[in-house]
Amino acid sequence: MNPLLKVNHLSVSFFSRDKEVEAVRDVSFEVREGETLGIVGESGSGKSVTARTIMRLLPSPPSMVKGGEVLFKGQNLADKTDLEMESIRGKDIGMIFQDPMSSLNPTMRIGAQIEESLIKHRKLSKAEARREAIDMLKLVGISNSETRYHQYPHEFSGGMRQRVMIAIALACRPSLLIADEPTTSLDVTIQAQILHQMKELQKQLGTSIILITHDLGVVAGMCDRVVVMKDGEIVETGTTEQIFERAQHPYTQKLLNALPRLDEPKKPKAAPAVLRGEEELPLLQVRSLRQHFDLGKGQVVKAVNDISFDVRAGETLGVVGESGSGKSTTGRTILRLHEATGGEVLYRGIPLQQLNRSELKKMRRHMGMIFQDPYASLNPRLRIMDIIGESLDVHGLVTGKRERQRRVEELLDMVGLNASHAMRYPHEFSGGQRQRIGIARTLAVEPEFIVCDEPLSALDVSIQAQIVKLLEELQQRLGLTYLFIAHDLSMVKHISDRVAVMYKGKIVELAESEELYENPLHPYTKSLLAAIPVPDPRIESRKKPFIHTEASKADPYGLERSEFVEAKEGHWVAVAQGQ
């Protein structure tokens, strides 16, 4: 059978005034009808450049295709005019982009954005396009589609916006769908739903899929064959089983080894070499903490709704849950970046809510935060020397310019960077390096307690492993205590001593890490664990993912109708009435 798409010896470069960057070098692969091909690799490996070259979406200049060809149904796309490519995009080849919010027009209603391609490519009338758009919304699992048709992108959740992108990409029944990191920014349960939806639609429509991702668990469950890219080149290709069971290239083996697995036992963690202060009392005590946001017109969001827990000195408490469950708000409220609506937070027995501004500034020397997006949290106009040095200046920890420079260089060395990096700007670093800079800035004031707010979500899997190893080494060396917020349960299991599961502003379960994963009690915890993609193509998905619909009344796990009882020490579980 002739392949649907054939890429032959493709090479793409980007040119600036003084240099050429070879983004893709001599890349060849093919996609057959009805199959799913996975392209994996770290950021900068050339995955997305390859996809955008296929679609002819790269601006020229600065890009240039230096060699090779892209054959779609036997025709070279490089020979097509821009007008001919406009008719192919959407109609014959669809594409789902990584960030749906930046891909959807914020000023257009959702229905109109789906209709656009239907009217252009399938020549439907306005009424026919409207009916088809509503049917597509139903097809991708968006309930109450007649109402949703009239809404704008900002009125949809991240998972629902990604479903809309799938609806747009598939509206004209393309032969090939290119999905560029379609689930990277989504929670594990939403990711499971999106992937399930793509597989179901592929069965119905017979569409071929190119799935670009760095998540090997997703690849194992979705793909027939895999292409592994590194530094713009293909280093290995084969069936999914061959790649996962008999990987030949060291880079492929490195990616597979970096991926944490739920079915692997947790490695024993060394106790911190240094613990400051008394250990009898918990370092942090949270009691009946509430954080409500008044939206006006009588609408109140209970982001954190009466939660209590302790964090012991030297331990890592993981906090997991979907977006909107209250994880990040909890971390920010503890540090008084948000003022609590109610309850109290005690740090070494001192109630933080009662501290005045001057007292709070002194207390903040002992507490820090590592943010989710290292690029957004670093001032792009400052050099790294000043980004890290600013904390030293605010708290009066250095007396002169020379001491300040020495301390900054010391902190950079601590997180695996060198002194020469101090005079660079944030944009000159990779994502993993920027996260290391964020960690160095947090460590500048010598804190005891650090809130790690999704510090891994924007990073590739191998970089994630490096950052986790760094955090563990720093904890062991400096006696640090972490509140580790994440939605990647596999990583949380391996870094945390205990794990708290949050849902709709409440902690529904809290237990030792191994015990929680081996014996989850709450239905929501079980659903989170079941949704995690397993990096093994031999293991089928354990169950169909729960699809949130209007019929679920926004309470699929019965929490609104539940009583909370303590099942055993360390566990809290909701028991639905009558069960």
Protein backbone atom coordinates (compact mmCIF):
# COMPACT_ATOMS: atom_id res chain seq x y z
CA MET A 1 0.00 0.00 0.00
CA ASN A 2 1.32 3.45 -0.90
CA PRO A 3 1.79 5.68 2.16
CA LEU A 4 -0.62 8.59 2.64
CA LEU A 5 2.30 10.88 3.57
CA LYS A 6 5.97 10.41 2.76
CA VAL A 7 8.70 12.74 4.02
CA ASN A 8 11.99 12.24 2.15
CA HIS A 9 15.33 13.65 3.38
CA LEU A 10 13.79 16.87 4.71
CA SER A 11 16.19 19.58 5.92
CA VAL A 12 15.08 22.94 7.34
CA SER A 13 17.23 25.83 8.60
CA PHE A 14 16.59 29.18 10.29
CA PHE A 15 18.76 32.16 9.39
CA SER A 16 19.65 35.23 11.44
CA ARG A 17 22.10 37.98 10.55
CA ASP A 18 25.19 36.08 11.57
CA LYS A 19 24.32 32.39 11.78
CA GLU A 20 22.34 29.43 10.46
CA VAL A 21 20.52 27.04 12.78
CA GLU A 22 19.82 23.61 11.29
CA ALA A 23 16.46 22.74 12.89
CA VAL A 24 15.75 19.58 10.85
CA ARG A 25 18.43 17.48 9.14
CA ASP A 26 17.75 14.72 6.58
CA VAL A 27 14.49 13.51 8.14
CA SER A 28 12.55 10.70 6.41
CA PHE A 29 9.42 8.84 7.51
CA GLU A 30 6.01 7.82 6.19
CA VAL A 31 2.42 7.63 7.47
CA ARG A 32 0.06 4.92 6.24
CA GLU A 33 -3.69 5.18 5.95
CA GLY A 34 -5.52 4.73 9.25
CA GLU A 35 -2.40 4.51 11.42
CA THR A 36 -1.07 6.71 14.21
CA LEU A 37 2.59 7.70 14.03
CA GLY A 38 4.18 9.14 17.16
CA ILE A 39 7.05 11.64 16.90
CA VAL A 40 8.82 12.01 20.25
CA GLY A 41 11.78 14.00 21.52
CA GLU A 42 12.67 16.89 23.79
CA SER A 43 12.03 20.56 23.08
CA GLY A 44 14.28 21.71 20.27
CA SER A 45 14.50 18.26 18.68
CA GLY A 46 12.70 19.44 15.52
CA LYS A 47 9.29 17.79 16.05
CA SER A 48 7.11 20.89 15.64
CA VAL A 49 9.30 22.35 12.86
CA THR A 50 8.78 19.12 10.90
CA ALA A 51 5.01 19.31 11.40
CA ARG A 52 4.79 22.96 10.40
CA THR A 53 6.95 22.30 7.34
CA ILE A 54 4.49 19.60 6.24
CA MET A 55 1.68 22.16 6.60
CA ARG A 56 3.78 24.93 4.96
CA LEU A 57 3.20 27.15 8.01
CA LEU A 58 6.78 28.30 8.63
CA PRO A 59 7.52 31.92 7.64
CA SER A 60 10.23 32.29 5.02
CA PRO A 61 12.43 34.11 5.93
CA PRO A 62 13.76 33.32 8.51
CA SER A 63 13.12 29.63 7.71
CA MET A 64 14.23 27.84 4.56
CA VAL A 65 13.65 24.28 3.33
CA LYS A 66 17.17 23.36 2.22
CA GLY A 67 16.37 19.94 0.85
CA GLY A 68 14.00 17.00 0.60
CA GLU A 69 10.34 16.67 -0.25
CA VAL A 70 6.96 16.12 1.40
CA LEU A 71 4.69 13.86 -0.65
CA PHE A 72 1.00 13.82 0.26
CA LYS A 73 -1.06 11.33 -1.77
CA GLY A 74 1.88 11.25 -4.18
CA GLN A 75 2.04 15.03 -4.71
CA ASN A 76 4.93 17.19 -3.51
CA LEU A 77 3.52 19.88 -1.21
CA ALA A 78 6.60 22.04 -1.86
CA ASP A 79 5.41 22.50 -5.47
CA LYS A 80 1.99 23.81 -4.40
CA THR A 81 1.17 27.51 -4.56
CA ASP A 82 0.00 29.30 -1.42
CA LEU A 83 -3.56 29.25 -2.80
CA GLU A 84 -3.41 25.50 -3.39
CA MET A 85 -2.06 24.94 0.13
CA GLU A 86 -4.97 26.93 1.58
CA SER A 87 -7.36 24.43 0.03
CA ILE A 88 -5.34 21.47 1.36
CA ARG A 89 -5.04 22.77 4.92
CA GLY A 90 -8.19 21.95 6.81
CA LYS A 91 -9.74 19.95 4.01
CA ASP A 92 -7.11 17.23 3.49
CA ILE A 93 -4.71 17.84 6.39
CA GLY A 94 -5.94 19.09 9.77
CA MET A 95 -3.80 20.31 12.66
CA ILE A 96 -4.35 20.57 16.43
CA PHE A 97 -1.99 23.06 18.07
CA GLN A 98 -0.49 22.86 21.54
CA ASP A 99 -2.14 25.91 23.08
CA PRO A 100 -5.82 26.13 22.10
CA MET A 101 -6.32 29.56 23.69
CA SER A 102 -3.73 31.16 21.41
CA SER A 103 -5.05 29.23 18.39
CA LEU A 104 -8.71 30.18 18.78
CA ASN A 105 -9.89 33.69 17.87
CA PRO A 106 -11.01 35.27 21.18
CA THR A 107 -13.40 37.65 19.38
CA MET A 108 -15.32 34.95 17.47
CA ARG A 109 -17.96 32.59 18.83
CA ILE A 110 -17.01 28.92 18.88
CA GLY A 111 -19.67 27.97 16.34
CA ALA A 112 -18.46 30.55 13.83
CA GLN A 113 -14.89 29.24 14.08
CA ILE A 114 -16.00 25.70 13.21
CA GLU A 115 -18.29 26.94 10.44
CA GLU A 116 -15.46 28.89 8.79
CA SER A 117 -13.73 25.80 7.38
CA LEU A 118 -17.02 24.04 6.57
CA ILE A 119 -18.18 26.94 4.40
CA LYS A 120 -14.75 27.39 2.76
CA HIS A 121 -13.83 23.75 2.06
CA ARG A 122 -17.13 21.83 1.94
CA LYS A 123 -19.12 24.69 0.38
CA LEU A 124 -21.97 24.29 2.89
CA SER A 125 -24.65 26.93 3.32
CA LYS A 126 -24.76 28.90 6.58
CA ALA A 127 -27.64 26.77 7.90
CA GLU A 128 -25.94 23.49 6.90
CA ALA A 129 -22.65 24.63 8.45
CA ARG A 130 -24.44 25.52 11.69
CA ARG A 131 -26.00 22.06 11.95
CA GLU A 132 -22.68 20.40 11.16
CA ALA A 133 -20.82 22.56 13.72
CA ILE A 134 -23.28 21.58 16.45
CA ASP A 135 -22.93 17.90 15.45
CA MET A 136 -19.13 18.21 15.64
CA LEU A 137 -19.35 19.66 19.15
CA LYS A 138 -21.47 16.66 20.15
CA LEU A 139 -19.03 14.32 18.43
CA VAL A 140 -16.09 15.56 20.53
CA GLY A 141 -18.05 15.16 23.76
CA ILE A 142 -19.22 18.72 24.44
CA SER A 143 -22.67 18.53 25.94
CA ASN A 144 -25.38 21.18 25.54
CA SER A 145 -23.79 21.94 22.17
CA GLU A 146 -26.58 24.27 20.97
CA THR A 147 -25.74 26.65 23.82
CA ARG A 148 -21.99 26.14 23.60
CA TYR A 149 -22.15 26.97 19.89
CA HIS A 150 -22.86 30.63 20.79
CA GLN A 151 -20.14 31.00 23.45
CA TYR A 152 -16.62 32.44 23.23
CA PRO A 153 -13.30 30.59 23.90
CA HIS A 154 -12.80 32.22 27.32
CA GLU A 155 -16.06 30.61 28.48
CA PHE A 156 -14.59 27.12 27.98
CA SER A 157 -12.16 25.18 30.19
CA GLY A 158 -8.75 24.14 28.83
CA GLY A 159 -9.94 20.62 28.08
CA MET A 160 -13.07 21.87 26.31
CA ARG A 161 -11.05 24.34 24.22
CA GLN A 162 -8.85 21.47 23.11
CA ARG A 163 -11.99 19.52 22.13
CA VAL A 164 -13.06 22.53 20.04
CA MET A 165 -9.67 22.46 18.30
CA ILE A 166 -10.25 18.77 17.49
CA ALA A 167 -13.73 19.62 16.16
CA ILE A 168 -12.27 22.32 13.88
CA ALA A 169 -9.46 20.05 12.68
CA LEU A 170 -11.83 17.18 11.89
CA ALA A 171 -14.81 19.18 10.59
CA CYS A 172 -13.85 18.62 6.94
CA ARG A 173 -12.98 14.94 7.49
CA PRO A 174 -9.26 15.30 6.60
CA SER A 175 -7.24 12.24 5.58
CA LEU A 176 -4.40 13.26 7.93
CA LEU A 177 -4.51 14.90 11.37
CA ILE A 178 -1.34 16.40 12.87
CA ALA A 179 -1.65 16.77 16.66
CA ASP A 180 1.21 18.91 18.03
CA GLU A 181 1.47 18.30 21.79
CA PRO A 182 -2.36 18.29 22.11
CA THR A 183 -2.44 17.35 25.81
CA THR A 184 0.70 18.97 27.29
CA SER A 185 -1.13 21.66 29.28
CA LEU A 186 -4.02 19.44 30.39
CA ASP A 187 -4.73 17.57 33.60
CA VAL A 188 -4.31 13.81 33.53
CA THR A 189 -8.07 13.09 33.55
CA ILE A 190 -8.76 15.63 30.76
CA GLN A 191 -5.79 14.24 28.82
CA ALA A 192 -7.28 10.75 29.04
CA GLN A 193 -10.62 12.05 27.74
CA ILE A 194 -9.02 13.93 24.81
CA LEU A 195 -6.93 10.90 23.76
CA HIS A 196 -9.95 8.60 24.08
CA GLN A 197 -11.92 11.02 21.91
CA MET A 198 -9.19 11.10 19.25
CA LYS A 199 -9.06 7.29 19.09
CA GLU A 200 -12.86 7.04 18.80
CA LEU A 201 -12.98 9.64 16.01
CA GLN A 202 -10.13 7.90 14.21
CA LYS A 203 -12.17 4.67 14.22
CA GLN A 204 -15.24 6.49 12.88
CA LEU A 205 -13.51 8.56 10.21
CA GLY A 206 -10.49 6.44 9.28
CA THR A 207 -8.15 9.40 9.75
CA SER A 208 -4.36 8.95 9.93
CA ILE A 209 -2.71 10.76 12.85
CA ILE A 210 0.75 12.19 13.48
CA LEU A 211 0.99 12.61 17.26
CA ILE A 212 3.83 14.89 18.39
CA THR A 213 4.60 14.61 22.10
CA HIS A 214 7.30 14.13 24.72
CA ASP A 215 5.03 11.92 26.89
CA LEU A 216 5.99 8.31 26.22
CA GLY A 217 3.01 7.07 28.23
CA VAL A 218 0.71 8.76 25.71
CA VAL A 219 2.68 7.24 22.83
CA ALA A 220 2.37 3.74 24.29
CA GLY A 221 -1.42 3.95 24.39
CA MET A 222 -2.01 5.77 21.08
CA CYS A 223 0.61 4.96 18.44
CA ASP A 224 1.27 2.13 15.99
CA ARG A 225 4.79 3.29 15.11
CA VAL A 226 7.24 5.75 16.69
CA VAL A 227 9.88 8.14 15.36
CA VAL A 228 12.43 9.41 17.93
CA MET A 229 14.07 12.78 17.16
CA LYS A 230 17.09 14.47 18.72
CA ASP A 231 18.84 17.67 17.63
CA GLY A 232 16.90 17.79 14.36
CA GLU A 233 17.62 14.19 13.34
CA ILE A 234 15.79 10.88 13.56
CA VAL A 235 17.83 8.62 15.83
CA GLU A 236 15.46 5.64 15.92
CA THR A 237 12.21 4.45 14.39
CA GLY A 238 10.14 1.30 14.77
CA THR A 239 6.85 -0.13 15.97
CA THR A 240 5.68 0.98 19.39
CA GLU A 241 6.48 -2.45 20.85
CA GLN A 242 10.00 -2.40 19.38
CA ILE A 243 10.76 1.06 20.77
CA PHE A 244 9.49 0.29 24.29
CA GLU A 245 10.82 -3.26 24.58
CA ARG A 246 14.02 -3.21 22.52
CA ALA A 247 15.15 0.42 22.19
CA GLN A 248 18.54 0.54 20.48
CA HIS A 249 19.68 4.17 20.64
CA PRO A 250 21.08 5.52 23.95
CA TYR A 251 18.89 8.63 23.66
CA THR A 252 15.71 6.54 23.35
CA GLN A 253 16.81 4.49 26.34
CA LYS A 254 17.46 7.70 28.27
CA LEU A 255 13.92 8.97 27.55
CA LEU A 256 12.40 5.66 28.64
CA ASN A 257 14.48 5.49 31.82
CA ALA A 258 13.60 9.08 32.75
CA LEU A 259 9.88 8.33 32.78
CA PRO A 260 8.56 7.61 36.30
CA ARG A 261 6.11 4.71 36.53
CA LEU A 262 3.34 4.08 39.04
CA ASP A 263 4.04 0.35 39.04
CA GLU A 264 7.65 0.88 40.12
CA PRO A 265 8.36 0.89 43.87
CA LYS A 266 9.36 4.20 45.36
CA LYS A 267 13.09 4.54 45.92
CA PRO A 268 14.09 5.05 49.57
CA LYS A 269 14.91 8.69 50.26
CA ALA A 270 17.83 9.74 52.45
CA ALA A 271 16.89 11.78 55.50
CA PRO A 272 17.98 15.43 55.34
CA ALA A 273 21.49 15.89 56.69
CA VAL A 274 20.48 19.14 58.37
CA LEU A 275 17.20 20.01 60.07
CA ARG A 276 16.93 23.46 61.61
CA GLY A 277 14.91 24.01 64.78
CA GLU A 278 12.84 21.64 66.87
CA GLU A 279 11.24 18.67 65.17
CA GLU A 280 8.57 17.80 67.74
CA LEU A 281 6.00 20.25 66.34
CA PRO A 282 5.09 20.18 62.62
CA LEU A 283 6.92 22.90 60.74
CA LEU A 284 3.64 24.01 59.14
CA GLN A 285 0.11 23.60 60.50
CA VAL A 286 -2.90 24.48 58.35
CA ARG A 287 -6.21 24.64 60.23
CA SER A 288 -9.65 25.03 58.58
CA LEU A 289 -8.15 27.18 55.81
CA ARG A 290 -10.64 28.87 53.48
CA GLN A 291 -10.08 31.04 50.42
CA HIS A 292 -13.22 32.35 48.76
CA PHE A 293 -13.29 34.74 45.79
CA ASP A 294 -16.26 37.07 45.36
CA LEU A 295 -17.11 37.41 41.65
CA GLY A 296 -19.95 39.86 42.28
CA LYS A 297 -23.69 39.47 41.74
CA GLY A 298 -23.83 36.97 44.56
CA GLN A 299 -21.33 34.56 42.96
CA VAL A 300 -18.64 33.18 45.26
CA VAL A 301 -15.95 30.68 44.26
CA LYS A 302 -14.84 28.52 47.19
CA ALA A 303 -11.35 27.85 45.85
CA VAL A 304 -10.14 26.43 49.18
CA ASN A 305 -12.94 25.17 51.37
CA ASP A 306 -12.04 24.29 54.98
CA ILE A 307 -8.87 22.20 54.68
CA SER A 308 -6.46 21.10 57.43
CA PHE A 309 -3.09 19.35 57.28
CA ASP A 310 0.42 19.41 58.77
CA VAL A 311 3.83 19.40 57.10
CA ARG A 312 6.69 17.96 59.12
CA ALA A 313 10.21 19.40 58.98
CA GLY A 314 12.28 17.78 56.23
CA GLU A 315 9.40 16.04 54.45
CA THR A 316 7.77 16.53 51.07
CA LEU A 317 3.99 16.71 51.05
CA GLY A 318 2.60 16.27 47.53
CA VAL A 319 -0.67 17.98 46.60
CA VAL A 320 -2.44 16.62 43.51
CA GLY A 321 -5.71 17.28 41.71
CA GLU A 322 -7.12 18.74 38.50
CA SER A 323 -6.91 22.41 37.52
CA GLY A 324 -9.40 24.34 39.63
CA SER A 325 -9.17 21.94 42.57
CA GLY A 326 -7.50 24.61 44.74
CA LYS A 327 -3.89 23.36 44.80
CA SER A 328 -2.10 26.55 43.75
CA THR A 329 -4.50 28.76 45.73
CA THR A 330 -3.65 26.71 48.83
CA GLY A 331 0.08 27.31 48.32
CA ARG A 332 -0.36 31.03 47.70
CA THR A 333 -2.69 31.46 50.68
CA ILE A 334 -0.23 29.70 52.99
CA LEU A 335 2.46 32.21 51.98
CA ARG A 336 -0.05 35.09 52.28
CA LEU A 337 0.19 35.97 48.60
CA HIS A 338 -3.60 35.75 49.00
CA GLU A 339 -5.18 36.82 52.27
CA ALA A 340 -7.19 33.90 53.68
CA THR A 341 -10.96 34.18 54.01
CA GLY A 342 -10.83 32.07 57.18
CA GLY A 343 -8.82 29.56 59.18
CA GLU A 344 -5.18 29.88 60.18
CA VAL A 345 -1.68 28.91 59.12
CA LEU A 346 0.93 28.30 61.85
CA TYR A 347 4.62 28.31 60.97
CA ARG A 348 6.69 26.92 63.88
CA GLY A 349 3.64 27.71 66.00
CA ILE A 350 3.45 31.36 64.86
CA PRO A 351 0.08 32.37 63.27
CA LEU A 352 1.04 33.98 59.96
CA GLN A 353 -2.31 35.78 59.53
CA GLN A 354 -1.59 37.89 62.63
CA LEU A 355 1.78 39.21 61.45
CA ASN A 356 2.06 42.83 60.33
CA ARG A 357 3.87 43.81 57.15
CA SER A 358 7.29 44.16 58.77
CA GLU A 359 6.98 40.88 60.67
CA LEU A 360 5.75 39.08 57.55
CA LYS A 361 8.77 40.34 55.57
CA LYS A 362 11.11 38.82 58.17
CA MET A 363 9.13 35.57 58.20
CA ARG A 364 9.31 35.32 54.39
CA ARG A 365 13.04 34.73 54.73
CA HIS A 366 12.09 31.26 55.92
CA MET A 367 9.57 30.54 53.15
CA GLY A 368 9.88 30.55 49.37
CA MET A 369 8.06 29.60 46.19
CA ILE A 370 9.10 28.01 42.89
CA PHE A 371 6.64 29.01 40.16
CA GLN A 372 5.15 26.93 37.35
CA ASP A 373 6.33 29.00 34.38
CA PRO A 374 9.98 29.99 34.87
CA TYR A 375 9.94 32.34 31.88
CA ALA A 376 6.90 34.30 33.05
CA SER A 377 8.27 34.61 36.61
CA LEU A 378 11.70 35.95 35.59
CA ASN A 379 11.99 39.63 34.64
CA PRO A 380 13.06 39.58 30.94
CA ARG A 381 14.82 42.96 31.27
CA LEU A 382 17.15 41.92 34.09
CA ARG A 383 20.29 39.86 33.96
CA ILE A 384 20.39 36.72 36.09
CA MET A 385 22.82 38.46 38.46
CA ASP A 386 20.12 41.02 39.33
CA ILE A 387 17.19 38.58 39.31
CA ILE A 388 18.84 36.49 42.02
CA GLY A 389 20.60 39.41 43.70
CA GLU A 390 17.31 41.30 44.17
CA SER A 391 16.25 38.91 46.97
CA LEU A 392 19.62 39.36 48.68
CA ASP A 393 19.20 43.15 48.54
CA VAL A 394 15.61 43.18 49.84
CA HIS A 395 16.50 41.13 52.91
CA GLY A 396 19.88 42.80 53.49
CA LEU A 397 21.80 39.53 53.21
CA VAL A 398 24.88 41.02 51.50
CA THR A 399 26.92 44.11 52.32
CA GLY A 400 28.61 44.95 49.05
CA LYS A 401 28.74 44.36 45.31
CA ARG A 402 31.57 41.83 45.53
CA GLU A 403 29.83 39.76 48.21
CA ARG A 404 26.59 39.92 46.21
CA GLN A 405 28.35 38.60 43.09
CA ARG A 406 30.06 35.83 45.06
CA ARG A 407 26.75 34.72 46.59
CA VAL A 408 24.92 34.71 43.23
CA GLU A 409 27.68 32.63 41.64
CA GLU A 410 27.54 30.27 44.64
CA LEU A 411 23.78 29.82 44.15
CA LEU A 412 24.16 29.20 40.41
CA ASP A 413 26.77 26.53 41.13
CA MET A 414 24.38 24.96 43.67
CA VAL A 415 21.73 24.42 40.97
CA GLY A 416 24.15 23.15 38.31
CA LEU A 417 24.85 26.37 36.38
CA ASN A 418 28.13 28.28 36.13
CA ALA A 419 29.28 31.79 36.96
CA SER A 420 29.25 32.97 33.33
CA HIS A 421 25.46 32.53 33.25
CA ALA A 422 25.05 35.41 35.71
CA MET A 423 25.44 38.06 33.01
CA ARG A 424 22.88 36.58 30.62
CA TYR A 425 19.16 37.33 30.21
CA PRO A 426 16.31 34.79 30.74
CA HIS A 427 15.61 34.37 27.01
CA GLU A 428 19.14 32.99 26.51
CA PHE A 429 18.35 29.86 28.53
CA SER A 430 16.40 26.67 27.92
CA GLY A 431 13.26 25.86 29.93
CA GLY A 432 15.15 23.55 32.27
CA GLN A 433 17.89 26.12 32.86
CA ARG A 434 15.30 28.83 33.59
CA GLN A 435 13.68 26.57 36.18
CA ARG A 436 17.11 26.10 37.81
CA ILE A 437 17.47 29.90 37.93
CA GLY A 438 14.05 30.12 39.61
CA ILE A 439 15.20 27.59 42.20
CA ALA A 440 18.44 29.55 42.78
CA ARG A 441 16.42 32.74 43.34
CA THR A 442 14.22 30.94 45.88
CA LEU A 443 17.27 29.56 47.73
CA ALA A 444 18.91 32.99 47.92
CA VAL A 445 17.19 33.85 51.23
CA GLU A 446 18.02 30.42 52.74
CA PRO A 447 14.41 29.29 53.31
CA GLU A 448 13.35 26.24 55.31
CA PHE A 449 9.99 25.74 53.59
CA ILE A 450 9.34 25.96 49.83
CA VAL A 451 6.06 25.77 47.92
CA CYS A 452 6.82 24.12 44.56
CA ASP A 453 3.87 25.15 42.36
CA GLU A 454 3.81 22.85 39.30
CA PRO A 455 7.58 23.28 38.78
CA LEU A 456 7.76 20.47 36.19
CA SER A 457 4.71 20.91 33.97
CA ALA A 458 6.45 23.00 31.28
CA LEU A 459 9.48 20.70 31.03
CA ASP A 460 10.44 17.65 28.99
CA VAL A 461 10.49 14.30 30.77
CA SER A 462 14.30 14.04 30.98
CA ILE A 463 14.54 17.64 32.24
CA GLN A 464 11.82 16.85 34.80
CA ALA A 465 13.96 14.01 36.13
CA GLN A 466 16.96 16.37 36.45
CA ILE A 467 14.95 18.98 38.37
CA VAL A 468 13.47 16.35 40.72
CA LYS A 469 16.95 14.99 41.40
CA LEU A 470 18.18 18.54 42.09
CA LEU A 471 15.30 19.25 44.50
CA GLU A 472 15.97 16.01 46.38
CA GLU A 473 19.70 16.74 46.63
CA LEU A 474 19.01 20.26 47.93
CA GLN A 475 16.52 18.91 50.44
CA GLN A 476 19.03 16.38 51.73
CA ARG A 477 21.87 18.93 51.90
CA LEU A 478 19.97 21.94 53.29
CA GLY A 479 17.18 20.30 55.29
CA LEU A 480 14.42 21.80 53.14
CA THR A 481 10.71 21.08 53.51
CA TYR A 482 8.51 21.04 50.37
CA LEU A 483 4.84 21.45 49.58
CA PHE A 484 4.99 19.92 46.08
CA ILE A 485 1.98 20.85 43.92
CA ALA A 486 1.49 18.93 40.67
CA HIS A 487 -0.97 17.06 38.49
CA ASP A 488 1.59 14.45 37.38
CA LEU A 489 0.85 11.70 39.88
CA SER A 490 3.71 9.46 38.71
CA MET A 491 6.29 12.12 39.56
CA VAL A 492 4.52 13.06 42.81
CA LYS A 493 4.68 9.45 44.02
CA HIS A 494 8.45 9.32 43.67
CA ILE A 495 9.29 12.69 45.24
CA SER A 496 6.70 12.85 48.06
CA ASP A 497 6.61 11.28 51.51
CA ARG A 498 2.86 11.85 51.82
CA VAL A 499 0.24 12.90 49.25
CA ALA A 500 -2.92 14.99 49.68
CA VAL A 501 -5.60 14.73 46.97
CA MET A 502 -7.67 17.87 46.39
CA TYR A 503 -11.04 18.08 44.67
CA LYS A 504 -13.25 21.19 44.45
CA GLY A 505 -11.38 23.00 47.21
CA LYS A 506 -11.32 20.08 49.67
CA ILE A 507 -8.77 17.45 50.65
CA VAL A 508 -10.55 14.17 49.98
CA GLU A 509 -7.69 11.83 50.81
CA LEU A 510 -4.30 12.09 52.51
CA ALA A 511 -1.90 9.20 53.09
CA GLU A 512 1.67 7.98 52.87
CA SER A 513 2.80 8.02 49.24
CA GLU A 514 3.10 4.25 48.67
CA GLU A 515 -0.11 3.50 50.55
CA LEU A 516 -2.15 6.03 48.58
CA TYR A 517 -1.06 4.58 45.25
CA GLU A 518 -1.45 0.95 46.30
CA ASN A 519 -4.72 1.35 48.19
CA PRO A 520 -6.63 4.49 47.10
CA LEU A 521 -9.91 4.86 49.01
CA HIS A 522 -11.66 7.78 47.41
CA PRO A 523 -13.34 7.37 43.98
CA TYR A 524 -11.72 10.61 42.76
CA THR A 525 -8.24 9.36 43.69
CA LYS A 526 -8.98 6.12 41.84
CA SER A 527 -10.07 8.09 38.76
CA LEU A 528 -6.84 10.13 38.79
CA LEU A 529 -4.71 6.99 39.01
CA ALA A 530 -6.71 5.22 36.29
CA ALA A 531 -6.25 8.16 33.90
CA ILE A 532 -2.44 8.11 34.00
CA PRO A 533 -1.06 6.83 30.67
CA VAL A 534 1.05 3.71 31.21
CA PRO A 535 4.39 3.67 29.32
CA ASP A 536 3.84 0.11 28.13
CA PRO A 537 2.06 -0.66 24.83
CA ARG A 538 1.06 -4.12 26.13
CA ILE A 539 -1.15 -2.62 28.84
CA GLU A 540 -4.56 -1.50 27.66
CA SER A 541 -6.26 1.46 29.32
CA ARG A 542 -7.78 0.16 32.53
CA LYS A 543 -11.14 1.74 31.87
CA LYS A 544 -12.91 4.27 29.72
CA PRO A 545 -12.13 7.71 31.18
CA PHE A 546 -14.89 9.52 33.00
CA ILE A 547 -16.38 12.12 30.65
CA HIS A 548 -17.59 15.24 32.45
CA THR A 549 -21.00 16.27 31.12
CA GLU A 550 -23.80 18.56 32.17
CA ALA A 551 -25.63 15.47 33.40
CA SER A 552 -22.93 14.93 36.02
CA LYS A 553 -24.16 18.15 37.68
CA ALA A 554 -20.51 19.14 38.17
CA ASP A 555 -20.32 16.58 40.99
CA PRO A 556 -19.38 13.23 39.41
CA TYR A 557 -17.89 11.79 42.58
CA GLY A 558 -20.81 12.54 44.90
CA LEU A 559 -18.97 15.02 47.09
CA GLU A 560 -21.93 17.38 47.39
CA ARG A 561 -23.99 14.50 48.80
CA SER A 562 -21.24 12.96 50.94
CA GLU A 563 -20.23 12.73 54.54
CA PHE A 564 -16.53 12.80 55.33
CA VAL A 565 -15.35 10.13 57.72
CA GLU A 566 -11.87 9.17 58.84
CA ALA A 567 -11.41 5.63 57.58
CA LYS A 568 -8.03 5.14 59.23
CA GLU A 569 -5.11 7.26 60.35
CA GLY A 570 -3.91 9.48 57.51
CA HIS A 571 -6.91 8.77 55.25
CA TRP A 572 -9.99 10.85 54.65
CA VAL A 573 -12.65 9.37 52.40
CA ALA A 574 -16.07 10.53 51.24
CA VAL A 575 -18.83 7.99 51.78
CA ALA A 576 -21.87 8.70 49.61
CA GLN A 577 -25.21 8.54 51.37
CA GLY A 578 -26.82 5.13 51.25
CA GLN A 579 -23.58 3.30 50.36
